[in-house]
């Protein structure tokens, strides 16, 4: 049996960055020149990023986030979906220009949110069915070992090691171990 080929991480869609930069620059009222100056980057670089071209790295985006006084995630977060699954090795990745280092934002905390983090173990058998939590609850899962079927009723997904999933926790949902020794991290976000 052939070894599976390693997956190449998805590149961060430049359209997300462009839209985020335009939105945040408009919010602050900064000109292209002023934002580039505050971030310590070339105006042409910023212009390319807002035109959804170029090749941004972590340092450039971080400098822009600082200059705009927003979290880094505000520039790279994907459009909101009701259920999101990011497979291990997938997801929008931003590489460093200074080291062998890359970041994949899985989820940014919205303002005013509280997060509880749990480490969970599960074995095959009956699914753990959960009633809806308080309104506004969002759950985030990252599988560490084994296989897990999880999500809202009718929107479940099977996940393996390294996979990430997010969904509304204020609707009926379930977790079911598909392999012995399944372990995952659950982050419950409450607004």
N, C-alpha and C. Protein backbone atom coordinates (compact mmCIF):
# COMPACT_ATOMS: atom_id res chain seq x y z
N UNK A 1 0.85 -1.18 0.00
CA UNK A 1 0.00 0.00 0.00
C UNK A 1 0.89 1.24 0.00
N UNK A 2 0.62 2.16 -0.86
CA UNK A 2 1.42 3.39 -0.97
C UNK A 2 1.13 4.31 0.20
N UNK A 3 2.16 5.02 0.61
CA UNK A 3 2.00 6.01 1.67
C UNK A 3 1.20 7.18 1.11
N UNK A 4 0.27 7.73 1.92
CA UNK A 4 -0.46 8.89 1.43
C UNK A 4 0.49 10.07 1.28
N UNK A 5 0.29 10.83 0.23
CA UNK A 5 1.15 11.99 0.03
C UNK A 5 0.74 13.09 1.00
N UNK A 6 1.74 13.83 1.52
CA UNK A 6 1.39 14.90 2.44
C UNK A 6 0.60 15.99 1.71
N UNK A 7 -0.36 16.53 2.41
CA UNK A 7 -1.17 17.59 1.81
C UNK A 7 -0.43 18.92 1.91
N UNK A 8 -0.58 19.72 0.90
CA UNK A 8 -0.03 21.06 0.92
C UNK A 8 -1.06 21.97 1.56
N UNK A 9 -0.68 22.73 2.61
CA UNK A 9 -1.65 23.61 3.25
C UNK A 9 -2.23 24.61 2.26
N UNK A 10 -3.49 24.92 2.46
CA UNK A 10 -4.15 25.90 1.60
C UNK A 10 -3.55 27.27 1.85
N UNK A 11 -3.42 28.02 0.81
CA UNK A 11 -2.94 29.39 0.96
C UNK A 11 -4.11 30.25 1.41
N UNK A 12 -3.78 31.27 2.15
CA UNK A 12 -4.80 32.20 2.62
C UNK A 12 -5.39 32.93 1.42
N UNK A 13 -6.68 32.85 1.21
CA UNK A 13 -7.27 33.56 0.07
C UNK A 13 -7.02 35.07 0.16
N UNK A 14 -6.39 35.58 -0.87
CA UNK A 14 -6.04 37.00 -0.89
C UNK A 14 -7.28 37.89 -0.85
N UNK A 15 -8.41 37.36 -1.32
CA UNK A 15 -9.64 38.16 -1.30
C UNK A 15 -10.07 38.46 0.14
N UNK A 16 -9.85 37.50 1.06
CA UNK A 16 -10.18 37.73 2.48
C UNK A 16 -9.35 38.88 3.02
N UNK A 17 -8.04 38.82 2.75
CA UNK A 17 -7.14 39.84 3.25
C UNK A 17 -7.50 41.20 2.66
N UNK A 18 -7.72 41.22 1.35
CA UNK A 18 -8.05 42.48 0.68
C UNK A 18 -9.31 43.11 1.28
N UNK A 19 -10.35 42.32 1.42
CA UNK A 19 -11.61 42.84 1.97
C UNK A 19 -11.42 43.31 3.41
N UNK A 20 -10.66 42.55 4.19
CA UNK A 20 -10.44 42.93 5.59
C UNK A 20 -9.63 44.21 5.70
N UNK A 21 -8.58 44.33 4.88
CA UNK A 21 -7.77 45.55 4.91
C UNK A 21 -8.58 46.77 4.50
N UNK A 22 -9.36 46.64 3.45
CA UNK A 22 -10.20 47.76 3.01
C UNK A 22 -11.20 48.15 4.09
N UNK A 23 -11.83 47.14 4.69
CA UNK A 23 -12.82 47.39 5.74
C UNK A 23 -12.19 48.11 6.93
N UNK A 24 -11.06 47.61 7.39
CA UNK A 24 -10.42 48.19 8.58
C UNK A 24 -9.80 49.55 8.28
N UNK A 25 -9.27 49.74 7.09
CA UNK A 25 -8.70 51.05 6.73
C UNK A 25 -9.82 52.08 6.63
N UNK A 26 -10.97 51.69 6.08
CA UNK A 26 -12.12 52.60 6.00
C UNK A 26 -12.62 52.94 7.40
N UNK A 27 -12.64 51.93 8.29
CA UNK A 27 -13.10 52.17 9.66
C UNK A 27 -12.22 53.19 10.38
N UNK A 28 -10.92 53.13 10.14
CA UNK A 28 -9.99 54.04 10.82
C UNK A 28 -9.87 55.38 10.10
N UNK A 29 -10.27 55.44 8.83
CA UNK A 29 -10.16 56.67 8.07
C UNK A 29 -8.74 56.96 7.60
N UNK A 30 -7.88 55.96 7.64
CA UNK A 30 -6.49 56.16 7.21
C UNK A 30 -6.36 56.06 5.69
N UNK A 31 -5.49 56.88 5.14
CA UNK A 31 -5.19 56.78 3.72
C UNK A 31 -4.26 55.59 3.51
N UNK A 32 -4.13 55.17 2.27
CA UNK A 32 -3.22 54.09 1.91
C UNK A 32 -1.80 54.45 2.36
N UNK A 33 -1.39 55.69 2.07
CA UNK A 33 -0.03 56.14 2.43
C UNK A 33 0.18 56.15 3.93
N UNK A 34 -0.80 56.63 4.68
CA UNK A 34 -0.65 56.71 6.13
C UNK A 34 -0.60 55.33 6.78
N UNK A 35 -1.44 54.42 6.33
CA UNK A 35 -1.41 53.07 6.89
C UNK A 35 -0.08 52.38 6.58
N UNK A 36 0.39 52.52 5.34
CA UNK A 36 1.67 51.91 4.97
C UNK A 36 2.80 52.49 5.83
N UNK A 37 2.78 53.79 6.05
CA UNK A 37 3.81 54.44 6.89
C UNK A 37 3.75 53.91 8.32
N UNK A 38 2.56 53.84 8.90
CA UNK A 38 2.41 53.36 10.28
C UNK A 38 2.83 51.90 10.43
N UNK A 39 2.60 51.10 9.38
CA UNK A 39 2.94 49.68 9.43
C UNK A 39 4.41 49.43 9.05
N UNK A 40 5.07 50.46 8.50
CA UNK A 40 6.47 50.30 8.10
C UNK A 40 6.63 49.43 6.87
N UNK A 41 5.65 49.50 5.97
CA UNK A 41 5.73 48.74 4.72
C UNK A 41 5.60 49.70 3.55
N UNK A 42 5.95 49.23 2.38
CA UNK A 42 5.84 50.05 1.18
C UNK A 42 4.37 50.26 0.82
N UNK A 43 4.06 51.45 0.35
CA UNK A 43 2.70 51.75 -0.09
C UNK A 43 2.28 50.79 -1.21
N UNK A 44 3.23 50.46 -2.10
CA UNK A 44 2.92 49.54 -3.20
C UNK A 44 2.54 48.15 -2.68
N UNK A 45 3.18 47.72 -1.57
CA UNK A 45 2.83 46.42 -0.97
C UNK A 45 1.40 46.45 -0.47
N UNK A 46 1.05 47.51 0.24
CA UNK A 46 -0.31 47.64 0.76
C UNK A 46 -1.32 47.72 -0.39
N UNK A 47 -0.98 48.47 -1.43
CA UNK A 47 -1.85 48.58 -2.59
C UNK A 47 -2.09 47.22 -3.23
N UNK A 48 -1.02 46.42 -3.36
CA UNK A 48 -1.15 45.07 -3.92
C UNK A 48 -2.05 44.20 -3.05
N UNK A 49 -1.88 44.29 -1.73
CA UNK A 49 -2.69 43.48 -0.82
C UNK A 49 -4.17 43.85 -0.93
N UNK A 50 -4.46 45.14 -1.01
CA UNK A 50 -5.85 45.57 -1.14
C UNK A 50 -6.43 45.22 -2.51
N UNK A 51 -5.55 44.96 -3.48
CA UNK A 51 -6.00 44.54 -4.81
C UNK A 51 -6.05 43.01 -4.91
N UNK A 52 -5.84 42.31 -3.78
CA UNK A 52 -5.86 40.85 -3.71
C UNK A 52 -4.76 40.21 -4.55
N UNK A 53 -3.59 40.87 -4.55
CA UNK A 53 -2.42 40.28 -5.21
C UNK A 53 -1.26 40.38 -4.23
N UNK A 54 -0.12 39.90 -4.63
CA UNK A 54 1.04 39.92 -3.73
C UNK A 54 1.12 38.63 -2.94
N UNK A 55 2.06 38.59 -2.02
CA UNK A 55 2.31 37.38 -1.24
C UNK A 55 2.57 37.79 0.21
N UNK A 56 1.53 38.06 0.99
CA UNK A 56 1.73 38.55 2.35
C UNK A 56 2.34 37.49 3.27
N UNK A 57 3.17 37.94 4.21
CA UNK A 57 3.69 37.01 5.21
C UNK A 57 3.19 37.45 6.58
N UNK A 58 3.48 36.65 7.59
CA UNK A 58 3.01 36.92 8.95
C UNK A 58 3.45 38.31 9.41
N UNK A 59 4.71 38.64 9.18
CA UNK A 59 5.24 39.92 9.67
C UNK A 59 4.51 41.12 9.06
N UNK A 60 4.25 41.07 7.76
CA UNK A 60 3.55 42.17 7.09
C UNK A 60 2.13 42.31 7.63
N UNK A 61 1.44 41.19 7.71
CA UNK A 61 0.05 41.25 8.21
C UNK A 61 0.00 41.67 9.67
N UNK A 62 0.97 41.22 10.45
CA UNK A 62 1.01 41.60 11.86
C UNK A 62 1.24 43.11 12.00
N UNK A 63 2.16 43.64 11.20
CA UNK A 63 2.43 45.09 11.24
C UNK A 63 1.19 45.88 10.86
N UNK A 64 0.46 45.40 9.87
CA UNK A 64 -0.78 46.08 9.46
C UNK A 64 -1.83 46.00 10.57
N UNK A 65 -1.94 44.85 11.21
CA UNK A 65 -2.92 44.71 12.30
C UNK A 65 -2.59 45.67 13.44
N UNK A 66 -1.32 45.78 13.78
CA UNK A 66 -0.91 46.70 14.85
C UNK A 66 -1.23 48.14 14.44
N UNK A 67 -0.89 48.50 13.22
CA UNK A 67 -1.16 49.86 12.74
C UNK A 67 -2.65 50.17 12.71
N UNK A 68 -3.47 49.16 12.43
CA UNK A 68 -4.92 49.35 12.40
C UNK A 68 -5.57 49.18 13.77
N UNK A 69 -4.75 48.75 14.76
CA UNK A 69 -5.23 48.51 16.13
C UNK A 69 -6.35 47.47 16.17
N UNK A 70 -6.11 46.36 15.44
CA UNK A 70 -7.03 45.23 15.44
C UNK A 70 -6.24 43.96 15.69
N UNK A 71 -6.90 42.89 16.17
CA UNK A 71 -6.19 41.62 16.30
C UNK A 71 -5.78 41.10 14.92
N UNK A 72 -4.69 40.37 14.87
CA UNK A 72 -4.21 39.74 13.63
C UNK A 72 -5.35 38.99 12.94
N UNK A 73 -6.16 38.31 13.74
CA UNK A 73 -7.25 37.50 13.19
C UNK A 73 -8.25 38.33 12.38
N UNK A 74 -8.38 39.61 12.69
CA UNK A 74 -9.33 40.46 11.96
C UNK A 74 -8.96 40.58 10.49
N UNK A 75 -7.69 40.34 10.17
CA UNK A 75 -7.24 40.45 8.78
C UNK A 75 -7.28 39.12 8.03
N UNK A 76 -7.29 38.01 8.74
CA UNK A 76 -7.19 36.71 8.06
C UNK A 76 -8.35 35.76 8.33
N UNK A 77 -9.30 36.15 9.15
CA UNK A 77 -10.41 35.25 9.48
C UNK A 77 -11.30 35.02 8.27
N UNK A 78 -11.71 33.77 8.10
CA UNK A 78 -12.55 33.40 6.96
C UNK A 78 -13.97 33.91 7.16
N UNK A 79 -14.73 34.02 6.06
CA UNK A 79 -16.15 34.38 6.20
C UNK A 79 -16.87 33.35 7.06
N UNK A 80 -17.85 33.80 7.82
CA UNK A 80 -18.56 32.95 8.78
C UNK A 80 -19.45 31.94 8.06
N UNK A 81 -19.40 30.69 8.54
CA UNK A 81 -20.27 29.63 8.06
C UNK A 81 -20.92 29.00 9.28
N UNK A 82 -22.08 28.36 9.11
CA UNK A 82 -22.76 27.77 10.27
C UNK A 82 -22.02 26.56 10.81
N UNK A 83 -21.45 25.73 9.95
CA UNK A 83 -20.61 24.60 10.36
C UNK A 83 -19.35 24.68 9.53
N UNK A 84 -18.22 24.61 10.18
CA UNK A 84 -16.95 24.70 9.48
C UNK A 84 -16.06 23.55 9.92
N UNK A 85 -15.45 22.86 8.96
CA UNK A 85 -14.49 21.80 9.25
C UNK A 85 -13.19 22.15 8.55
N UNK A 86 -12.10 22.10 9.29
CA UNK A 86 -10.77 22.31 8.70
C UNK A 86 -9.99 21.03 8.95
N UNK A 87 -9.64 20.32 7.91
CA UNK A 87 -8.90 19.08 8.01
C UNK A 87 -7.45 19.37 8.38
N UNK A 88 -6.84 18.42 9.09
CA UNK A 88 -5.44 18.55 9.46
C UNK A 88 -4.62 18.81 8.20
N UNK A 89 -3.79 19.82 8.25
CA UNK A 89 -2.96 20.17 7.10
C UNK A 89 -3.64 21.09 6.11
N UNK A 90 -4.94 21.34 6.29
CA UNK A 90 -5.65 22.27 5.43
C UNK A 90 -5.84 23.58 6.19
N UNK A 91 -6.52 24.50 5.58
CA UNK A 91 -6.79 25.77 6.23
C UNK A 91 -5.88 26.85 5.68
N UNK A 92 -6.31 28.08 5.77
CA UNK A 92 -5.51 29.18 5.24
C UNK A 92 -4.26 29.38 6.10
N UNK A 93 -3.10 29.26 5.48
CA UNK A 93 -1.83 29.33 6.19
C UNK A 93 -1.07 30.58 5.79
N UNK A 94 -0.46 31.23 6.78
CA UNK A 94 0.39 32.39 6.53
C UNK A 94 1.77 32.02 7.04
N UNK A 95 2.76 32.08 6.14
CA UNK A 95 4.13 31.70 6.50
C UNK A 95 4.91 32.91 6.99
N UNK A 96 5.92 32.64 7.79
CA UNK A 96 6.82 33.67 8.27
C UNK A 96 7.87 33.97 7.20
N UNK A 97 8.33 35.18 7.17
CA UNK A 97 9.42 35.55 6.28
C UNK A 97 10.75 35.42 6.99
N UNK A 98 10.75 35.10 8.29
CA UNK A 98 11.96 35.09 9.09
C UNK A 98 12.37 33.71 9.57
N UNK A 99 11.46 32.75 9.59
CA UNK A 99 11.77 31.44 10.15
C UNK A 99 10.88 30.39 9.51
N UNK A 100 11.20 29.11 9.74
CA UNK A 100 10.34 28.03 9.29
C UNK A 100 9.20 27.94 10.29
N UNK A 101 8.18 28.69 10.03
CA UNK A 101 7.06 28.88 10.95
C UNK A 101 5.86 29.27 10.12
N UNK A 102 4.71 28.70 10.41
CA UNK A 102 3.49 29.06 9.71
C UNK A 102 2.33 29.01 10.68
N UNK A 103 1.36 29.87 10.48
CA UNK A 103 0.19 29.95 11.36
C UNK A 103 -1.07 29.71 10.56
N UNK A 104 -1.97 28.91 11.13
CA UNK A 104 -3.29 28.70 10.55
C UNK A 104 -4.31 29.12 11.61
N UNK A 105 -4.98 30.21 11.38
CA UNK A 105 -6.02 30.66 12.30
C UNK A 105 -7.21 29.73 12.15
N UNK A 106 -7.59 29.10 13.25
CA UNK A 106 -8.76 28.23 13.22
C UNK A 106 -10.00 29.00 13.62
N UNK A 107 -9.88 29.89 14.61
CA UNK A 107 -11.03 30.66 15.05
C UNK A 107 -10.57 31.84 15.89
N UNK A 108 -11.15 32.97 15.67
CA UNK A 108 -10.88 34.16 16.46
C UNK A 108 -12.01 34.37 17.46
N UNK A 109 -11.68 34.83 18.63
CA UNK A 109 -12.71 35.08 19.64
C UNK A 109 -13.37 36.42 19.37
N UNK A 110 -14.69 36.43 19.24
CA UNK A 110 -15.36 37.71 19.03
C UNK A 110 -15.31 38.56 20.30
N UNK A 111 -15.44 39.87 20.16
CA UNK A 111 -15.41 40.74 21.34
C UNK A 111 -16.47 40.33 22.36
N UNK A 112 -16.11 40.36 23.62
CA UNK A 112 -17.05 40.08 24.69
C UNK A 112 -17.35 38.61 24.91
N UNK A 113 -16.65 37.72 24.21
CA UNK A 113 -16.92 36.29 24.35
C UNK A 113 -16.09 35.70 25.49
N UNK A 114 -16.60 34.62 26.06
CA UNK A 114 -15.88 33.86 27.07
C UNK A 114 -15.69 32.47 26.51
N UNK A 115 -14.52 31.89 26.74
CA UNK A 115 -14.25 30.55 26.23
C UNK A 115 -13.86 29.63 27.36
N UNK A 116 -14.44 28.42 27.35
CA UNK A 116 -14.07 27.36 28.28
C UNK A 116 -13.41 26.27 27.44
N UNK A 117 -12.30 25.71 27.93
CA UNK A 117 -11.55 24.71 27.17
C UNK A 117 -11.58 23.40 27.93
N UNK A 118 -11.91 22.31 27.21
CA UNK A 118 -12.00 20.99 27.81
C UNK A 118 -11.16 20.00 27.00
N UNK A 119 -10.55 19.05 27.69
CA UNK A 119 -9.91 17.90 27.04
C UNK A 119 -10.85 16.73 27.27
N UNK A 120 -11.25 16.04 26.22
CA UNK A 120 -12.23 14.96 26.33
C UNK A 120 -11.68 13.66 25.77
N UNK A 121 -12.09 12.56 26.38
CA UNK A 121 -11.77 11.21 25.91
C UNK A 121 -13.08 10.50 25.65
N UNK A 122 -13.11 9.67 24.63
CA UNK A 122 -14.35 8.95 24.30
C UNK A 122 -13.99 7.60 23.69
N UNK A 123 -14.87 6.64 23.91
CA UNK A 123 -14.71 5.30 23.35
C UNK A 123 -15.93 4.98 22.50
N UNK A 124 -15.78 4.10 21.50
CA UNK A 124 -16.92 3.73 20.67
C UNK A 124 -18.06 3.16 21.52
N UNK A 125 -19.25 3.35 21.05
CA UNK A 125 -20.45 2.92 21.76
C UNK A 125 -21.54 3.93 21.46
N UNK A 126 -22.30 4.24 22.46
CA UNK A 126 -23.38 5.21 22.29
C UNK A 126 -22.82 6.62 22.09
N UNK A 127 -23.50 7.39 21.26
CA UNK A 127 -23.12 8.79 21.06
C UNK A 127 -23.49 9.60 22.29
N UNK A 128 -22.72 10.62 22.58
CA UNK A 128 -23.03 11.57 23.66
C UNK A 128 -23.87 12.67 23.03
N UNK A 129 -25.18 12.65 23.29
CA UNK A 129 -26.10 13.63 22.73
C UNK A 129 -26.21 14.79 23.70
N UNK A 130 -26.07 15.99 23.18
CA UNK A 130 -26.12 17.18 24.02
C UNK A 130 -27.31 18.05 23.64
N UNK A 131 -28.03 18.45 24.66
CA UNK A 131 -29.11 19.41 24.42
C UNK A 131 -28.50 20.77 24.12
N UNK A 132 -29.28 21.68 23.57
CA UNK A 132 -28.74 23.02 23.26
C UNK A 132 -28.22 23.71 24.53
N UNK A 133 -27.10 24.38 24.38
CA UNK A 133 -26.54 25.19 25.46
C UNK A 133 -27.18 26.58 25.40
N UNK A 134 -26.71 27.49 26.22
CA UNK A 134 -27.30 28.83 26.26
C UNK A 134 -27.19 29.50 24.89
N UNK A 135 -28.14 30.38 24.56
CA UNK A 135 -28.12 31.05 23.25
C UNK A 135 -26.77 31.74 23.01
N UNK A 136 -26.30 31.61 21.78
CA UNK A 136 -25.04 32.23 21.38
C UNK A 136 -23.82 31.35 21.58
N UNK A 137 -24.00 30.15 22.14
CA UNK A 137 -22.86 29.25 22.35
C UNK A 137 -22.37 28.71 21.01
N UNK A 138 -21.06 28.70 20.85
CA UNK A 138 -20.40 28.12 19.68
C UNK A 138 -19.38 27.13 20.20
N UNK A 139 -19.32 25.94 19.59
CA UNK A 139 -18.34 24.93 19.99
C UNK A 139 -17.27 24.79 18.92
N UNK A 140 -16.04 24.55 19.39
CA UNK A 140 -14.87 24.34 18.53
C UNK A 140 -14.24 23.03 18.97
N UNK A 141 -13.96 22.13 18.03
CA UNK A 141 -13.34 20.83 18.34
C UNK A 141 -12.04 20.69 17.56
N UNK A 142 -11.03 20.10 18.20
CA UNK A 142 -9.81 19.68 17.52
C UNK A 142 -9.52 18.27 17.98
N UNK A 143 -9.48 17.33 17.04
CA UNK A 143 -9.24 15.93 17.38
C UNK A 143 -7.74 15.70 17.52
N UNK A 144 -7.37 15.05 18.63
CA UNK A 144 -5.97 14.73 18.87
C UNK A 144 -5.63 13.29 18.51
N UNK A 145 -6.57 12.36 18.75
CA UNK A 145 -6.33 10.95 18.48
C UNK A 145 -7.66 10.27 18.16
N UNK A 146 -7.60 9.21 17.36
CA UNK A 146 -8.79 8.45 17.02
C UNK A 146 -9.62 9.13 15.95
N UNK A 147 -10.89 8.78 15.91
CA UNK A 147 -11.83 9.37 14.95
C UNK A 147 -13.10 9.72 15.71
N UNK A 148 -13.73 10.81 15.31
CA UNK A 148 -14.90 11.33 16.00
C UNK A 148 -15.94 11.76 14.99
N UNK A 149 -17.20 11.46 15.26
CA UNK A 149 -18.32 12.00 14.49
C UNK A 149 -18.98 13.01 15.41
N UNK A 150 -19.12 14.25 14.94
CA UNK A 150 -19.65 15.30 15.80
C UNK A 150 -20.40 16.34 14.99
N UNK A 151 -21.18 17.15 15.72
CA UNK A 151 -21.85 18.29 15.11
C UNK A 151 -23.34 18.31 15.39
N UNK A 152 -24.00 19.34 14.89
CA UNK A 152 -25.44 19.46 15.05
C UNK A 152 -26.17 18.35 14.32
N UNK A 153 -27.33 18.00 14.82
CA UNK A 153 -28.16 16.96 14.21
C UNK A 153 -28.35 17.26 12.72
N UNK A 154 -28.01 16.30 11.88
CA UNK A 154 -28.15 16.45 10.44
C UNK A 154 -26.98 17.11 9.76
N UNK A 155 -26.01 17.62 10.52
CA UNK A 155 -24.83 18.28 9.94
C UNK A 155 -23.54 17.70 10.49
N UNK A 156 -23.59 16.47 11.00
CA UNK A 156 -22.42 15.84 11.60
C UNK A 156 -21.32 15.65 10.55
N UNK A 157 -20.08 15.61 11.04
CA UNK A 157 -18.93 15.34 10.18
C UNK A 157 -18.01 14.38 10.91
N UNK A 158 -17.32 13.53 10.15
CA UNK A 158 -16.32 12.64 10.72
C UNK A 158 -14.98 13.35 10.70
N UNK A 159 -14.28 13.29 11.82
CA UNK A 159 -13.02 14.00 11.99
C UNK A 159 -11.93 13.04 12.42
N UNK A 160 -10.70 13.32 11.99
CA UNK A 160 -9.54 12.54 12.39
C UNK A 160 -8.53 13.43 13.08
N UNK A 161 -7.39 12.87 13.47
CA UNK A 161 -6.36 13.63 14.19
C UNK A 161 -5.97 14.92 13.46
N UNK A 162 -6.01 16.00 14.20
CA UNK A 162 -5.66 17.31 13.66
C UNK A 162 -6.79 18.07 13.03
N UNK A 163 -7.92 17.40 12.75
CA UNK A 163 -9.06 18.08 12.13
C UNK A 163 -9.71 19.04 13.13
N UNK A 164 -10.24 20.13 12.61
CA UNK A 164 -10.93 21.16 13.39
C UNK A 164 -12.34 21.30 12.87
N UNK A 165 -13.28 21.57 13.78
CA UNK A 165 -14.67 21.79 13.40
C UNK A 165 -15.27 22.83 14.34
N UNK A 166 -16.13 23.66 13.81
CA UNK A 166 -16.88 24.60 14.65
C UNK A 166 -18.34 24.57 14.22
N UNK A 167 -19.22 24.82 15.19
CA UNK A 167 -20.66 24.80 14.92
C UNK A 167 -21.39 25.46 16.09
N UNK A 168 -22.65 25.76 15.87
CA UNK A 168 -23.49 26.32 16.93
C UNK A 168 -23.70 25.28 18.01
N UNK A 169 -23.50 25.67 19.25
CA UNK A 169 -23.74 24.76 20.37
C UNK A 169 -25.09 25.01 21.02
N UNK A 170 -25.84 25.97 20.48
CA UNK A 170 -27.17 26.26 21.04
C UNK A 170 -28.27 25.55 20.27
N UNK A 171 -27.89 24.47 19.59
CA UNK A 171 -28.82 23.58 18.91
C UNK A 171 -28.46 22.15 19.33
N UNK A 172 -29.36 21.18 19.20
CA UNK A 172 -29.00 19.80 19.56
C UNK A 172 -27.79 19.32 18.76
N UNK A 173 -26.84 18.67 19.43
CA UNK A 173 -25.63 18.19 18.78
C UNK A 173 -25.13 16.94 19.51
N UNK A 174 -24.15 16.26 18.91
CA UNK A 174 -23.67 15.01 19.50
C UNK A 174 -22.20 14.79 19.19
N UNK A 175 -21.58 13.91 19.99
CA UNK A 175 -20.19 13.47 19.81
C UNK A 175 -20.22 11.94 19.86
N UNK A 176 -19.55 11.29 18.90
CA UNK A 176 -19.51 9.84 18.90
C UNK A 176 -18.11 9.37 18.50
N UNK A 177 -17.45 8.64 19.41
CA UNK A 177 -16.14 8.08 19.10
C UNK A 177 -16.31 6.96 18.08
N UNK A 178 -15.48 6.97 17.05
CA UNK A 178 -15.54 5.94 16.02
C UNK A 178 -14.37 4.96 16.15
N UNK A 179 -13.38 5.29 16.99
CA UNK A 179 -12.22 4.43 17.23
C UNK A 179 -11.90 4.45 18.71
N UNK A 180 -11.34 3.36 19.22
CA UNK A 180 -10.89 3.35 20.62
C UNK A 180 -9.81 4.43 20.83
N UNK A 181 -9.79 4.99 22.02
CA UNK A 181 -8.78 5.99 22.36
C UNK A 181 -8.97 7.34 21.72
N UNK A 182 -10.20 7.66 21.35
CA UNK A 182 -10.46 8.97 20.74
C UNK A 182 -10.31 10.06 21.81
N UNK A 183 -9.59 11.10 21.45
CA UNK A 183 -9.38 12.23 22.36
C UNK A 183 -9.49 13.52 21.55
N UNK A 184 -10.10 14.52 22.16
CA UNK A 184 -10.24 15.80 21.46
C UNK A 184 -10.31 16.95 22.45
N UNK A 185 -10.06 18.13 21.93
CA UNK A 185 -10.18 19.37 22.70
C UNK A 185 -11.50 20.03 22.29
N UNK A 186 -12.26 20.45 23.27
CA UNK A 186 -13.53 21.15 23.03
C UNK A 186 -13.39 22.53 23.64
N UNK A 187 -13.63 23.53 22.85
CA UNK A 187 -13.66 24.92 23.31
C UNK A 187 -15.09 25.40 23.17
N UNK A 188 -15.70 25.77 24.29
CA UNK A 188 -17.06 26.32 24.27
C UNK A 188 -16.95 27.83 24.40
N UNK A 189 -17.50 28.51 23.44
CA UNK A 189 -17.47 29.98 23.41
C UNK A 189 -18.85 30.50 23.73
N UNK A 190 -18.92 31.37 24.72
CA UNK A 190 -20.21 31.94 25.14
C UNK A 190 -20.15 33.45 24.94
N UNK A 191 -21.20 34.00 24.34
CA UNK A 191 -21.24 35.46 24.16
C UNK A 191 -22.30 36.06 25.04
